[in-house]
Amino acid sequence: MDRVLITGGAGYLGSTLCEKLLRSGHRVTVLDSLLYGPAALMHLCAHPGFDFIHGDARNRDLLERLIRSHDVVVPLAAIVGAPACDRLAHDATTTNRDAVILAHELCSNNQLVIYPTTNSGYGTQSGTVLCTEDTPLEPISLYGRTKVEAERRLLEHENVVTFRLATVFGASPRMRLDLLVNHFVYAAVTDGTIVIFEKDFKRNYLHVRDVADAILHAMLHRDTMCGRAFNVGLDEANLSKAELAEKIKSHVPDFYIHYAEYGRDPDQRNYIVSNERLAKAGFVARRDLDEGILELLSAYRMFGRAPMKNVTAVQGRWLGDKEAAVPEKVATGAAS
């Protein structure tokens, strides 16, 4: 049984990871500023192995006191995504990079640091050649640069495992709609349509619960994995945006997809990834995109009336439950 400290544990990844670690018999402490509120962790409060500290991961004194009593540190606290980092550049740099480096500096060599970063550091590769962990990192956003810089510093030490995560998808107690799969599925069941720029740009994908499983695997196999970076994603999910949209359409047949001939996606990432190194270390992601899409369709039924919309956006034509269906004749612009 390890004592695990997770900074940013109330977020999209952290709230799922906490459940996994507690079910596996570990003790978990979350340090979080609760930027999005406490709801994602409320269901864990009755667990005797769970503890919560309200605070900022950049607070050196607080971090030093907490790290002292833990075996494993998972620094998840971050300003996530390129647009958010551009708006909050100082917070992004001090949280995504500086706080991660600080957390490691406060650890002894006997404490394990598992750093889930992003494979967006591969940037604008061709999308035709598999990126391995030896491929040069060329981040194209402040978000990517802060994560790459933090990883580079951590990998100078032997008590670290870093995971370069593919684009994550799936339902989580602290849900996110800005992730590509989650966003595309949401567009399919709310607007029923999407406009896609640069449809052939490729990305790799990974279920949020597979992230939690990979972290637990690293805890169990730290002796053979420490000091290395690992890509984490689905080998069969190196897909273009068009291929992803068509896969979603196979589950939501009325989804109208328009591929724009003109226009530029502000996110210029385009790469595919090899996960062979992690497979040789004994871990393979197992939840595929179809499973994730069905999960998201189920999750979005719970959303009901979307903020700033007059009627619930989830249409009855794909619900499979006529009693729950929203009448097709109700227009989204009608008065409530």
C-alpha atoms as a PDB file:
ATOM      1  CA  MET A   1       0.000   0.000   0.000  1.00  0.00           C
ATOM      2  CA  ASP A   2       1.423   3.358  -1.098  1.00  0.00           C
ATOM      3  CA  ARG A   3       0.544   6.798   0.204  1.00  0.00           C
ATOM      4  CA  VAL A   4      -0.089   8.839  -2.941  1.00  0.00           C
ATOM      5  CA  LEU A   5      -0.203  12.638  -3.165  1.00  0.00           C
ATOM      6  CA  ILE A   6      -2.038  13.986  -6.218  1.00  0.00           C
ATOM      7  CA  THR A   7      -1.896  17.690  -6.960  1.00  0.00           C
ATOM      8  CA  GLY A   8      -4.862  18.788  -9.038  1.00  0.00           C
ATOM      9  CA  GLY A   9      -6.681  15.625  -8.017  1.00  0.00           C
ATOM     10  CA  ALA A  10     -10.137  17.170  -8.415  1.00  0.00           C
ATOM     11  CA  GLY A  11      -9.689  17.499 -12.177  1.00  0.00           C
ATOM     12  CA  TYR A  12     -10.613  15.375 -15.170  1.00  0.00           C
ATOM     13  CA  LEU A  13      -7.760  12.879 -14.762  1.00  0.00           C
ATOM     14  CA  GLY A  14      -7.333  13.158 -11.018  1.00  0.00           C
ATOM     15  CA  SER A  15     -10.902  12.400  -9.994  1.00  0.00           C
ATOM     16  CA  THR A  16     -10.784   9.167 -12.025  1.00  0.00           C
ATOM     17  CA  LEU A  17      -7.305   8.266 -10.742  1.00  0.00           C
ATOM     18  CA  CYS A  18      -8.347   8.718  -7.107  1.00  0.00           C
ATOM     19  CA  GLU A  19     -11.086   6.114  -7.484  1.00  0.00           C
ATOM     20  CA  LYS A  20      -8.696   3.625  -9.083  1.00  0.00           C
ATOM     21  CA  LEU A  21      -6.014   4.000  -6.411  1.00  0.00           C
ATOM     22  CA  LEU A  22      -8.457   3.763  -3.512  1.00  0.00           C
ATOM     23  CA  ARG A  23     -10.050   0.627  -4.967  1.00  0.00           C
ATOM     24  CA  SER A  24      -6.551  -0.848  -5.295  1.00  0.00           C
ATOM     25  CA  GLY A  25      -5.875  -0.371  -1.587  1.00  0.00           C
ATOM     26  CA  HIS A  26      -3.698   2.737  -1.658  1.00  0.00           C
ATOM     27  CA  ARG A  27      -4.136   5.840   0.474  1.00  0.00           C
ATOM     28  CA  VAL A  28      -4.729   9.066  -1.442  1.00  0.00           C
ATOM     29  CA  THR A  29      -4.279  12.718  -0.539  1.00  0.00           C
ATOM     30  CA  VAL A  30      -5.490  15.360  -2.979  1.00  0.00           C
ATOM     31  CA  LEU A  31      -4.116  18.890  -2.999  1.00  0.00           C
ATOM     32  CA  ASP A  32      -6.351  21.119  -5.096  1.00  0.00           C
ATOM     33  CA  SER A  33      -7.482  24.748  -5.242  1.00  0.00           C
ATOM     34  CA  LEU A  34     -10.963  23.595  -6.354  1.00  0.00           C
ATOM     35  CA  LEU A  35     -11.122  25.946  -9.306  1.00  0.00           C
ATOM     36  CA  TYR A  36     -14.122  23.949 -10.556  1.00  0.00           C
ATOM     37  CA  GLY A  37     -15.623  23.166  -7.166  1.00  0.00           C
ATOM     38  CA  PRO A  38     -15.629  20.034  -4.973  1.00  0.00           C
ATOM     39  CA  ALA A  39     -18.305  17.913  -6.674  1.00  0.00           C
ATOM     40  CA  ALA A  40     -15.860  15.594  -8.472  1.00  0.00           C
ATOM     41  CA  LEU A  41     -14.500  14.254  -5.169  1.00  0.00           C
ATOM     42  CA  MET A  42     -17.524  14.347  -2.865  1.00  0.00           C
ATOM     43  CA  HIS A  43     -18.280  10.661  -3.394  1.00  0.00           C
ATOM     44  CA  LEU A  44     -14.837   9.733  -2.032  1.00  0.00           C
ATOM     45  CA  CYS A  45     -15.135  11.508   1.309  1.00  0.00           C
ATOM     46  CA  ALA A  46     -16.472   8.457   3.137  1.00  0.00           C
ATOM     47  CA  HIS A  47     -13.470   6.337   2.133  1.00  0.00           C
ATOM     48  CA  PRO A  48     -11.055   5.935   5.075  1.00  0.00           C
ATOM     49  CA  GLY A  49      -8.054   6.075   2.741  1.00  0.00           C
ATOM     50  CA  PHE A  50      -8.965   9.462   1.249  1.00  0.00           C
ATOM     51  CA  ASP A  51      -7.847  12.894   2.434  1.00  0.00           C
ATOM     52  CA  PHE A  52      -8.203  16.336   0.927  1.00  0.00           C
ATOM     53  CA  ILE A  53      -6.164  19.502   1.390  1.00  0.00           C
ATOM     54  CA  HIS A  54      -7.412  22.780  -0.046  1.00  0.00           C
ATOM     55  CA  GLY A  55      -4.447  24.706  -1.411  1.00  0.00           C
ATOM     56  CA  ASP A  56      -2.235  25.722  -4.302  1.00  0.00           C
ATOM     57  CA  ALA A  57       0.361  23.345  -5.766  1.00  0.00           C
ATOM     58  CA  ARG A  58       2.734  26.317  -6.033  1.00  0.00           C
ATOM     59  CA  ASN A  59       2.810  26.806  -2.244  1.00  0.00           C
ATOM     60  CA  ARG A  60       6.276  25.556  -1.322  1.00  0.00           C
ATOM     61  CA  ASP A  61       5.730  25.267   2.428  1.00  0.00           C
ATOM     62  CA  LEU A  62       2.465  23.362   2.027  1.00  0.00           C
ATOM     63  CA  LEU A  63       3.884  21.097  -0.662  1.00  0.00           C
ATOM     64  CA  GLU A  64       6.993  20.308   1.381  1.00  0.00           C
ATOM     65  CA  ARG A  65       4.916  19.337   4.408  1.00  0.00           C
ATOM     66  CA  LEU A  66       2.665  17.061   2.372  1.00  0.00           C
ATOM     67  CA  ILE A  67       5.345  15.361   0.294  1.00  0.00           C
ATOM     68  CA  ARG A  68       7.232  14.362   3.418  1.00  0.00           C
ATOM     69  CA  SER A  69       4.539  11.845   4.377  1.00  0.00           C
ATOM     70  CA  HIS A  70       3.909  10.255   0.954  1.00  0.00           C
ATOM     71  CA  ASP A  71       5.543   7.528  -1.107  1.00  0.00           C
ATOM     72  CA  VAL A  72       4.337   8.573  -4.563  1.00  0.00           C
ATOM     73  CA  VAL A  73       3.671  12.040  -5.996  1.00  0.00           C
ATOM     74  CA  VAL A  74       1.514  12.560  -9.102  1.00  0.00           C
ATOM     75  CA  PRO A  75       1.624  16.238 -10.169  1.00  0.00           C
ATOM     76  CA  LEU A  76      -1.555  16.856 -12.144  1.00  0.00           C
ATOM     77  CA  ALA A  77      -2.283  20.491 -11.218  1.00  0.00           C
ATOM     78  CA  ALA A  78      -2.200  22.487 -14.449  1.00  0.00           C
ATOM     79  CA  ILE A  79      -3.779  25.128 -16.613  1.00  0.00           C
ATOM     80  CA  VAL A  80      -4.889  22.803 -19.391  1.00  0.00           C
ATOM     81  CA  GLY A  81      -5.100  23.472 -23.112  1.00  0.00           C
ATOM     82  CA  ALA A  82      -3.576  26.038 -25.435  1.00  0.00           C
ATOM     83  CA  PRO A  83      -6.343  28.699 -25.260  1.00  0.00           C
ATOM     84  CA  ALA A  84      -6.435  28.703 -21.449  1.00  0.00           C
ATOM     85  CA  CYS A  85      -2.646  28.905 -21.236  1.00  0.00           C
ATOM     86  CA  ASP A  86      -2.548  31.801 -23.662  1.00  0.00           C
ATOM     87  CA  ARG A  87      -5.065  33.714 -21.534  1.00  0.00           C
ATOM     88  CA  LEU A  88      -3.373  32.827 -18.233  1.00  0.00           C
ATOM     89  CA  ALA A  89       0.260  32.718 -19.278  1.00  0.00           C
ATOM     90  CA  HIS A  90       1.752  33.437 -15.855  1.00  0.00           C
ATOM     91  CA  ASP A  91      -0.419  30.871 -14.081  1.00  0.00           C
ATOM     92  CA  ALA A  92       0.298  28.339 -16.824  1.00  0.00           C
ATOM     93  CA  THR A  93       4.057  28.727 -16.507  1.00  0.00           C
ATOM     94  CA  THR A  94       4.160  28.699 -12.710  1.00  0.00           C
ATOM     95  CA  THR A  95       1.722  25.772 -12.397  1.00  0.00           C
ATOM     96  CA  ASN A  96       2.447  23.564 -15.403  1.00  0.00           C
ATOM     97  CA  ARG A  97       6.226  23.868 -15.218  1.00  0.00           C
ATOM     98  CA  ASP A  98       7.513  25.460 -12.022  1.00  0.00           C
ATOM     99  CA  ALA A  99       5.217  23.673  -9.563  1.00  0.00           C
ATOM    100  CA  VAL A 100       5.991  20.292 -11.134  1.00  0.00           C
ATOM    101  CA  ILE A 101       9.738  20.890 -10.908  1.00  0.00           C
ATOM    102  CA  LEU A 102       9.313  22.106  -7.322  1.00  0.00           C
ATOM    103  CA  ALA A 103       7.367  18.980  -6.339  1.00  0.00           C
ATOM    104  CA  HIS A 104      10.173  16.797  -7.621  1.00  0.00           C
ATOM    105  CA  GLU A 105      12.861  18.869  -5.916  1.00  0.00           C
ATOM    106  CA  LEU A 106      11.100  18.344  -2.597  1.00  0.00           C
ATOM    107  CA  CYS A 107      11.089  14.555  -3.042  1.00  0.00           C
ATOM    108  CA  SER A 108      13.825  12.232  -1.849  1.00  0.00           C
ATOM    109  CA  ASN A 109      15.367   9.677  -4.191  1.00  0.00           C
ATOM    110  CA  ASN A 110      13.227   7.008  -2.509  1.00  0.00           C
ATOM    111  CA  GLN A 111       9.979   8.711  -3.456  1.00  0.00           C
ATOM    112  CA  LEU A 112       8.449   7.989  -6.854  1.00  0.00           C
ATOM    113  CA  VAL A 113       7.210  10.826  -9.089  1.00  0.00           C
ATOM    114  CA  ILE A 114       4.815   9.864 -11.887  1.00  0.00           C
ATOM    115  CA  TYR A 115       4.266  12.761 -14.255  1.00  0.00           C
ATOM    116  CA  PRO A 116       1.422  12.493 -16.778  1.00  0.00           C
ATOM    117  CA  THR A 117       2.313  15.007 -19.472  1.00  0.00           C
ATOM    118  CA  THR A 118       1.107  15.255 -23.076  1.00  0.00           C
ATOM    119  CA  ASN A 119       2.201  13.908 -26.411  1.00  0.00           C
ATOM    120  CA  SER A 120       1.262  17.260 -27.948  1.00  0.00           C
ATOM    121  CA  GLY A 121       4.981  18.030 -27.642  1.00  0.00           C
ATOM    122  CA  TYR A 122       5.397  16.171 -30.938  1.00  0.00           C
ATOM    123  CA  GLY A 123       3.814  19.214 -32.551  1.00  0.00           C
ATOM    124  CA  THR A 124       3.511  19.363 -36.312  1.00  0.00           C
ATOM    125  CA  GLN A 125       5.073  16.122 -37.468  1.00  0.00           C
ATOM    126  CA  SER A 126       3.967  14.770 -40.830  1.00  0.00           C
ATOM    127  CA  GLY A 127       1.210  12.526 -39.507  1.00  0.00           C
ATOM    128  CA  THR A 128       2.688   9.670 -41.522  1.00  0.00           C
ATOM    129  CA  VAL A 129       5.687   8.563 -39.423  1.00  0.00           C
ATOM    130  CA  LEU A 130       5.158   7.117 -35.959  1.00  0.00           C
ATOM    131  CA  CYS A 131       6.584   9.304 -33.199  1.00  0.00           C
ATOM    132  CA  THR A 132       8.547   7.368 -30.599  1.00  0.00           C
ATOM    133  CA  GLU A 133       9.908   8.620 -27.302  1.00  0.00           C
ATOM    134  CA  ASP A 134      13.137   9.444 -29.171  1.00  0.00           C
ATOM    135  CA  THR A 135      11.403  11.731 -31.678  1.00  0.00           C
ATOM    136  CA  PRO A 136      12.460  15.377 -31.132  1.00  0.00           C
ATOM    137  CA  LEU A 137       9.869  17.375 -29.217  1.00  0.00           C
ATOM    138  CA  GLU A 138       8.600  20.471 -31.036  1.00  0.00           C
ATOM    139  CA  PRO A 139       5.739  21.958 -28.985  1.00  0.00           C
ATOM    140  CA  ILE A 140       3.808  24.681 -30.785  1.00  0.00           C
ATOM    141  CA  SER A 141       1.928  26.244 -27.861  1.00  0.00           C
ATOM    142  CA  LEU A 142       2.707  27.633 -24.412  1.00  0.00           C
ATOM    143  CA  TYR A 143       0.811  24.673 -22.975  1.00  0.00           C
ATOM    144  CA  GLY A 144       3.043  22.232 -24.839  1.00  0.00           C
ATOM    145  CA  ARG A 145       6.231  24.119 -23.969  1.00  0.00           C
ATOM    146  CA  THR A 146       5.526  24.227 -20.236  1.00  0.00           C
ATOM    147  CA  LYS A 147       4.794  20.506 -20.146  1.00  0.00           C
ATOM    148  CA  VAL A 148       7.849  19.602 -22.221  1.00  0.00           C
ATOM    149  CA  GLU A 149      10.135  21.782 -20.100  1.00  0.00           C
ATOM    150  CA  ALA A 150       8.855  20.185 -16.895  1.00  0.00           C
ATOM    151  CA  GLU A 151       9.320  16.682 -18.294  1.00  0.00           C
ATOM    152  CA  ARG A 152      12.834  17.460 -19.483  1.00  0.00           C
ATOM    153  CA  ARG A 153      13.875  18.553 -15.994  1.00  0.00           C
ATOM    154  CA  LEU A 154      12.263  15.560 -14.291  1.00  0.00           C
ATOM    155  CA  LEU A 155      13.889  13.041 -16.608  1.00  0.00           C
ATOM    156  CA  GLU A 156      17.298  14.174 -15.407  1.00  0.00           C
ATOM    157  CA  HIS A 157      16.564  12.022 -12.342  1.00  0.00           C
ATOM    158  CA  GLU A 158      16.033   8.317 -11.783  1.00  0.00           C
ATOM    159  CA  ASN A 159      12.975   8.359  -9.502  1.00  0.00           C
ATOM    160  CA  VAL A 160      10.627   9.560 -12.253  1.00  0.00           C
ATOM    161  CA  VAL A 161       8.269   7.963 -14.765  1.00  0.00           C
ATOM    162  CA  THR A 162       6.677  10.276 -17.325  1.00  0.00           C
ATOM    163  CA  PHE A 163       3.681   9.421 -19.475  1.00  0.00           C
ATOM    164  CA  ARG A 164       3.130  11.293 -22.732  1.00  0.00           C
ATOM    165  CA  LEU A 165      -0.618  10.974 -22.926  1.00  0.00           C
ATOM    166  CA  ALA A 166      -2.571  10.812 -26.158  1.00  0.00           C
ATOM    167  CA  THR A 167      -5.695  12.966 -26.464  1.00  0.00           C
ATOM    168  CA  VAL A 168      -7.826  11.668 -23.608  1.00  0.00           C
ATOM    169  CA  PHE A 169     -11.535  10.880 -23.909  1.00  0.00           C
ATOM    170  CA  GLY A 170     -14.345   9.432 -21.819  1.00  0.00           C
ATOM    171  CA  ALA A 171     -16.603  10.384 -18.932  1.00  0.00           C
ATOM    172  CA  SER A 172     -15.138  11.594 -15.657  1.00  0.00           C
ATOM    173  CA  PRO A 173     -16.558  13.002 -12.412  1.00  0.00           C
ATOM    174  CA  ARG A 174     -15.041  16.354 -13.495  1.00  0.00           C
ATOM    175  CA  MET A 175     -16.163  16.264 -17.083  1.00  0.00           C
ATOM    176  CA  ARG A 176     -14.436  18.142 -19.908  1.00  0.00           C
ATOM    177  CA  LEU A 177     -16.005  18.970 -23.270  1.00  0.00           C
ATOM    178  CA  ASP A 178     -12.983  20.628 -24.873  1.00  0.00           C
ATOM    179  CA  LEU A 179     -11.151  17.361 -25.588  1.00  0.00           C
ATOM    180  CA  LEU A 180     -11.457  16.338 -29.226  1.00  0.00           C
ATOM    181  CA  VAL A 181     -13.461  13.103 -28.910  1.00  0.00           C
ATOM    182  CA  ASN A 182     -15.646  14.469 -26.119  1.00  0.00           C
ATOM    183  CA  HIS A 183     -16.287  17.627 -28.138  1.00  0.00           C
ATOM    184  CA  PHE A 184     -17.097  15.832 -31.392  1.00  0.00           C
ATOM    185  CA  VAL A 185     -19.568  13.496 -29.673  1.00  0.00           C
ATOM    186  CA  TYR A 186     -21.181  16.404 -27.857  1.00  0.00           C
ATOM    187  CA  ALA A 187     -21.578  18.276 -31.142  1.00  0.00           C
ATOM    188  CA  ALA A 188     -23.150  15.181 -32.700  1.00  0.00           C
ATOM    189  CA  VAL A 189     -25.872  14.888 -30.057  1.00  0.00           C
ATOM    190  CA  THR A 190     -26.548  18.574 -29.466  1.00  0.00           C
ATOM    191  CA  ASP A 191     -26.074  20.548 -32.673  1.00  0.00           C
ATOM    192  CA  GLY A 192     -26.214  17.487 -34.894  1.00  0.00           C
ATOM    193  CA  THR A 193     -23.537  18.994 -37.110  1.00  0.00           C
ATOM    194  CA  ILE A 194     -19.900  20.031 -37.112  1.00  0.00           C
ATOM    195  CA  VAL A 195     -17.534  21.942 -39.403  1.00  0.00           C
ATOM    196  CA  ILE A 196     -14.035  20.450 -39.507  1.00  0.00           C
ATOM    197  CA  PHE A 197     -10.981  22.292 -40.753  1.00  0.00           C
ATOM    198  CA  GLU A 198      -7.906  20.410 -41.958  1.00  0.00           C
ATOM    199  CA  LYS A 199      -9.673  17.087 -41.702  1.00  0.00           C
ATOM    200  CA  ASP A 200      -6.560  14.992 -42.368  1.00  0.00           C
ATOM    201  CA  PHE A 201      -4.627  16.198 -39.315  1.00  0.00           C
ATOM    202  CA  LYS A 202      -4.008  13.168 -37.114  1.00  0.00           C
ATOM    203  CA  ARG A 203      -3.918  12.504 -33.410  1.00  0.00           C
ATOM    204  CA  ASN A 204      -3.701   9.521 -31.056  1.00  0.00           C
ATOM    205  CA  TYR A 205      -6.412   8.828 -28.442  1.00  0.00           C
ATOM    206  CA  LEU A 206      -6.665   7.293 -24.955  1.00  0.00           C
ATOM    207  CA  HIS A 207      -9.462   6.592 -22.485  1.00  0.00           C
ATOM    208  CA  VAL A 208      -9.280   8.437 -19.174  1.00  0.00           C
ATOM    209  CA  ARG A 209      -9.536   5.182 -17.193  1.00  0.00           C
ATOM    210  CA  ASP A 210      -6.590   3.767 -19.125  1.00  0.00           C
ATOM    211  CA  VAL A 211      -4.580   6.741 -17.855  1.00  0.00           C
ATOM    212  CA  ALA A 212      -5.395   5.698 -14.290  1.00  0.00           C
ATOM    213  CA  ASP A 213      -4.475   2.083 -15.063  1.00  0.00           C
ATOM    214  CA  ALA A 214      -1.141   3.150 -16.569  1.00  0.00           C
ATOM    215  CA  ILE A 215      -0.241   5.133 -13.448  1.00  0.00           C
ATOM    216  CA  LEU A 216      -1.054   2.174 -11.219  1.00  0.00           C
ATOM    217  CA  HIS A 217       1.074  -0.026 -13.498  1.00  0.00           C
ATOM    218  CA  ALA A 218       4.023   2.341 -13.054  1.00  0.00           C
ATOM    219  CA  MET A 219       3.634   2.175  -9.287  1.00  0.00           C
ATOM    220  CA  LEU A 220       3.786  -1.610  -9.429  1.00  0.00           C
ATOM    221  CA  HIS A 221       6.730  -1.706 -11.871  1.00  0.00           C
ATOM    222  CA  ARG A 222       8.757   1.302 -10.806  1.00  0.00           C
ATOM    223  CA  ASP A 223      12.030  -0.633 -10.695  1.00  0.00           C
ATOM    224  CA  THR A 224      11.971  -1.281 -14.447  1.00  0.00           C
ATOM    225  CA  MET A 225      10.235   1.916 -15.608  1.00  0.00           C
ATOM    226  CA  CYS A 226      11.951   4.708 -13.678  1.00  0.00           C
ATOM    227  CA  GLY A 227      13.994   7.298 -15.532  1.00  0.00           C
ATOM    228  CA  ARG A 228      12.085   6.920 -18.804  1.00  0.00           C
ATOM    229  CA  ALA A 229       9.309   8.538 -20.806  1.00  0.00           C
ATOM    230  CA  PHE A 230       6.473   6.450 -22.245  1.00  0.00           C
ATOM    231  CA  ASN A 231       3.895   7.255 -24.894  1.00  0.00           C
ATOM    232  CA  VAL A 232       0.429   6.156 -23.756  1.00  0.00           C
ATOM    233  CA  GLY A 233      -2.333   5.707 -26.310  1.00  0.00           C
ATOM    234  CA  LEU A 234      -4.298   3.282 -28.435  1.00  0.00           C
ATOM    235  CA  ASP A 235      -2.271   1.865 -31.312  1.00  0.00           C
ATOM    236  CA  GLU A 236      -5.428   1.386 -33.381  1.00  0.00           C
ATOM    237  CA  ALA A 237      -6.509   4.993 -32.720  1.00  0.00           C
ATOM    238  CA  ASN A 238      -3.977   6.979 -34.725  1.00  0.00           C
ATOM    239  CA  LEU A 239      -6.786   8.693 -36.585  1.00  0.00           C
ATOM    240  CA  SER A 240      -7.403  11.837 -38.581  1.00  0.00           C
ATOM    241  CA  LYS A 241     -10.143  14.209 -37.477  1.00  0.00           C
ATOM    242  CA  ALA A 242     -12.225  13.001 -40.411  1.00  0.00           C
ATOM    243  CA  GLU A 243     -11.806   9.348 -39.421  1.00  0.00           C
ATOM    244  CA  LEU A 244     -12.805  10.183 -35.854  1.00  0.00           C
ATOM    245  CA  ALA A 245     -15.897  12.073 -36.991  1.00  0.00           C
ATOM    246  CA  GLU A 246     -16.982   9.199 -39.252  1.00  0.00           C
ATOM    247  CA  LYS A 247     -16.573   6.743 -36.396  1.00  0.00           C
ATOM    248  CA  ILE A 248     -18.869   8.891 -34.259  1.00  0.00           C
ATOM    249  CA  LYS A 249     -21.331   9.102 -37.150  1.00  0.00           C
ATOM    250  CA  SER A 250     -21.542   5.297 -37.152  1.00  0.00           C
ATOM    251  CA  HIS A 251     -23.126   5.626 -33.685  1.00  0.00           C
ATOM    252  CA  VAL A 252     -25.093   8.836 -34.396  1.00  0.00           C
ATOM    253  CA  PRO A 253     -26.278   8.370 -38.018  1.00  0.00           C
ATOM    254  CA  ASP A 254     -27.899  11.825 -38.295  1.00  0.00           C
ATOM    255  CA  PHE A 255     -24.616  13.571 -37.487  1.00  0.00           C
ATOM    256  CA  TYR A 256     -23.866  15.953 -40.386  1.00  0.00           C
ATOM    257  CA  ILE A 257     -20.149  16.520 -40.972  1.00  0.00           C
ATOM    258  CA  HIS A 258     -18.931  19.352 -43.181  1.00  0.00           C
ATOM    259  CA  TYR A 259     -15.279  19.306 -44.204  1.00  0.00           C
ATOM    260  CA  ALA A 260     -14.293  22.908 -44.906  1.00  0.00           C
ATOM    261  CA  GLU A 261     -12.088  23.386 -47.958  1.00  0.00           C
ATOM    262  CA  TYR A 262     -10.972  26.779 -46.722  1.00  0.00           C
ATOM    263  CA  GLY A 263      -9.990  27.936 -43.277  1.00  0.00           C
ATOM    264  CA  ARG A 264      -7.340  27.024 -40.776  1.00  0.00           C
ATOM    265  CA  ASP A 265      -7.578  25.149 -37.504  1.00  0.00           C
ATOM    266  CA  PRO A 266      -5.733  27.157 -34.831  1.00  0.00           C
ATOM    267  CA  ASP A 267      -4.509  23.830 -33.416  1.00  0.00           C
ATOM    268  CA  GLN A 268      -1.918  22.730 -35.958  1.00  0.00           C
ATOM    269  CA  ARG A 269      -0.844  19.501 -34.229  1.00  0.00           C
ATOM    270  CA  ASN A 270      -0.535  16.613 -36.650  1.00  0.00           C
ATOM    271  CA  TYR A 271       1.198  13.418 -35.566  1.00  0.00           C
ATOM    272  CA  ILE A 272       0.772   9.697 -34.955  1.00  0.00           C
ATOM    273  CA  VAL A 273       2.395   7.854 -32.093  1.00  0.00           C
ATOM    274  CA  SER A 274       3.971   4.503 -31.304  1.00  0.00           C
ATOM    275  CA  ASN A 275       3.159   3.022 -27.885  1.00  0.00           C
ATOM    276  CA  GLU A 276       5.544   0.089 -28.285  1.00  0.00           C
ATOM    277  CA  ARG A 277       7.868   1.035 -25.431  1.00  0.00           C
ATOM    278  CA  LEU A 278       5.038   0.916 -22.889  1.00  0.00           C
ATOM    279  CA  ALA A 279       3.759  -2.373 -24.316  1.00  0.00           C
ATOM    280  CA  LYS A 280       7.218  -3.864 -23.736  1.00  0.00           C
ATOM    281  CA  ALA A 281       6.979  -2.578 -20.154  1.00  0.00           C
ATOM    282  CA  GLY A 282       3.810  -4.630 -19.744  1.00  0.00           C
ATOM    283  CA  PHE A 283       0.964  -2.162 -20.261  1.00  0.00           C
ATOM    284  CA  VAL A 284      -1.438  -1.829 -23.197  1.00  0.00           C
ATOM    285  CA  ALA A 285      -4.464   0.488 -23.217  1.00  0.00           C
ATOM    286  CA  ARG A 286      -7.595  -1.613 -23.615  1.00  0.00           C
ATOM    287  CA  ARG A 287     -10.634   0.700 -23.909  1.00  0.00           C
ATOM    288  CA  ASP A 288     -11.307   1.511 -27.547  1.00  0.00           C
ATOM    289  CA  LEU A 289     -12.956   4.497 -29.162  1.00  0.00           C
ATOM    290  CA  ASP A 290     -16.263   2.744 -29.787  1.00  0.00           C
ATOM    291  CA  GLU A 291     -16.543   1.924 -26.088  1.00  0.00           C
ATOM    292  CA  GLY A 292     -15.739   5.528 -25.238  1.00  0.00           C
ATOM    293  CA  ILE A 293     -18.246   6.962 -27.704  1.00  0.00           C
ATOM    294  CA  LEU A 294     -21.049   4.804 -26.294  1.00  0.00           C
ATOM    295  CA  GLU A 295     -20.057   5.864 -22.789  1.00  0.00           C
ATOM    296  CA  LEU A 296     -20.167   9.527 -23.790  1.00  0.00           C
ATOM    297  CA  LEU A 297     -23.570   9.115 -25.432  1.00  0.00           C
ATOM    298  CA  SER A 298     -24.839   7.733 -22.143  1.00  0.00           C
ATOM    299  CA  ALA A 299     -23.190  10.520 -20.149  1.00  0.00           C
ATOM    300  CA  TYR A 300     -24.608  13.288 -22.299  1.00  0.00           C
ATOM    301  CA  ARG A 301     -28.144  12.057 -21.675  1.00  0.00           C
ATOM    302  CA  MET A 302     -27.605  13.283 -18.114  1.00  0.00           C
ATOM    303  CA  PHE A 303     -26.769  16.803 -19.231  1.00  0.00           C
ATOM    304  CA  GLY A 304     -30.375  17.668 -19.972  1.00  0.00           C
ATOM    305  CA  ARG A 305     -30.938  21.288 -20.750  1.00  0.00           C
ATOM    306  CA  ALA A 306     -27.676  22.830 -21.898  1.00  0.00           C
ATOM    307  CA  PRO A 307     -26.697  26.242 -20.487  1.00  0.00           C
ATOM    308  CA  MET A 308     -27.904  29.152 -22.633  1.00  0.00           C
ATOM    309  CA  LYS A 309     -30.191  26.915 -24.724  1.00  0.00           C
ATOM    310  CA  ASN A 310     -33.969  26.955 -24.668  1.00  0.00           C
ATOM    311  CA  VAL A 311     -34.579  23.230 -24.810  1.00  0.00           C
ATOM    312  CA  THR A 312     -32.574  20.151 -24.032  1.00  0.00           C
ATOM    313  CA  ALA A 313     -30.254  19.528 -26.933  1.00  0.00           C
ATOM    314  CA  VAL A 314     -30.126  15.736 -26.807  1.00  0.00           C
ATOM    315  CA  GLN A 315     -32.537  14.572 -29.481  1.00  0.00           C
ATOM    316  CA  GLY A 316     -34.734  11.512 -29.151  1.00  0.00           C
ATOM    317  CA  ARG A 317     -33.867  10.019 -32.515  1.00  0.00           C
ATOM    318  CA  TRP A 318     -30.821   8.180 -31.099  1.00  0.00           C
ATOM    319  CA  LEU A 319     -31.827   7.733 -27.453  1.00  0.00           C
ATOM    320  CA  GLY A 320     -33.620   4.467 -28.030  1.00  0.00           C
ATOM    321  CA  ASP A 321     -36.199   5.511 -25.417  1.00  0.00           C
ATOM    322  CA  LYS A 322     -39.287   7.100 -26.899  1.00  0.00           C
ATOM    323  CA  GLU A 323     -40.586   8.065 -23.472  1.00  0.00           C
ATOM    324  CA  ALA A 324     -37.470  10.193 -22.908  1.00  0.00           C
ATOM    325  CA  ALA A 325     -37.292  11.632 -26.391  1.00  0.00           C
ATOM    326  CA  VAL A 326     -37.533  15.342 -27.052  1.00  0.00           C
ATOM    327  CA  PRO A 327     -40.183  15.883 -29.743  1.00  0.00           C
ATOM    328  CA  GLU A 328     -38.545  16.573 -33.091  1.00  0.00           C
ATOM    329  CA  LYS A 329     -41.026  19.406 -33.723  1.00  0.00           C
ATOM    330  CA  VAL A 330     -39.642  21.460 -30.836  1.00  0.00           C
ATOM    331  CA  ALA A 331     -37.200  23.878 -32.443  1.00  0.00           C
ATOM    332  CA  THR A 332     -34.081  24.855 -30.527  1.00  0.00           C
ATOM    333  CA  GLY A 333     -34.961  28.502 -31.070  1.00  0.00           C
ATOM    334  CA  ALA A 334     -38.456  28.227 -29.583  1.00  0.00           C
ATOM    335  CA  ALA A 335     -39.366  30.040 -26.401  1.00  0.00           C
ATOM    336  CA  SER A 336     -39.232  27.941 -23.257  1.00  0.00           C
END
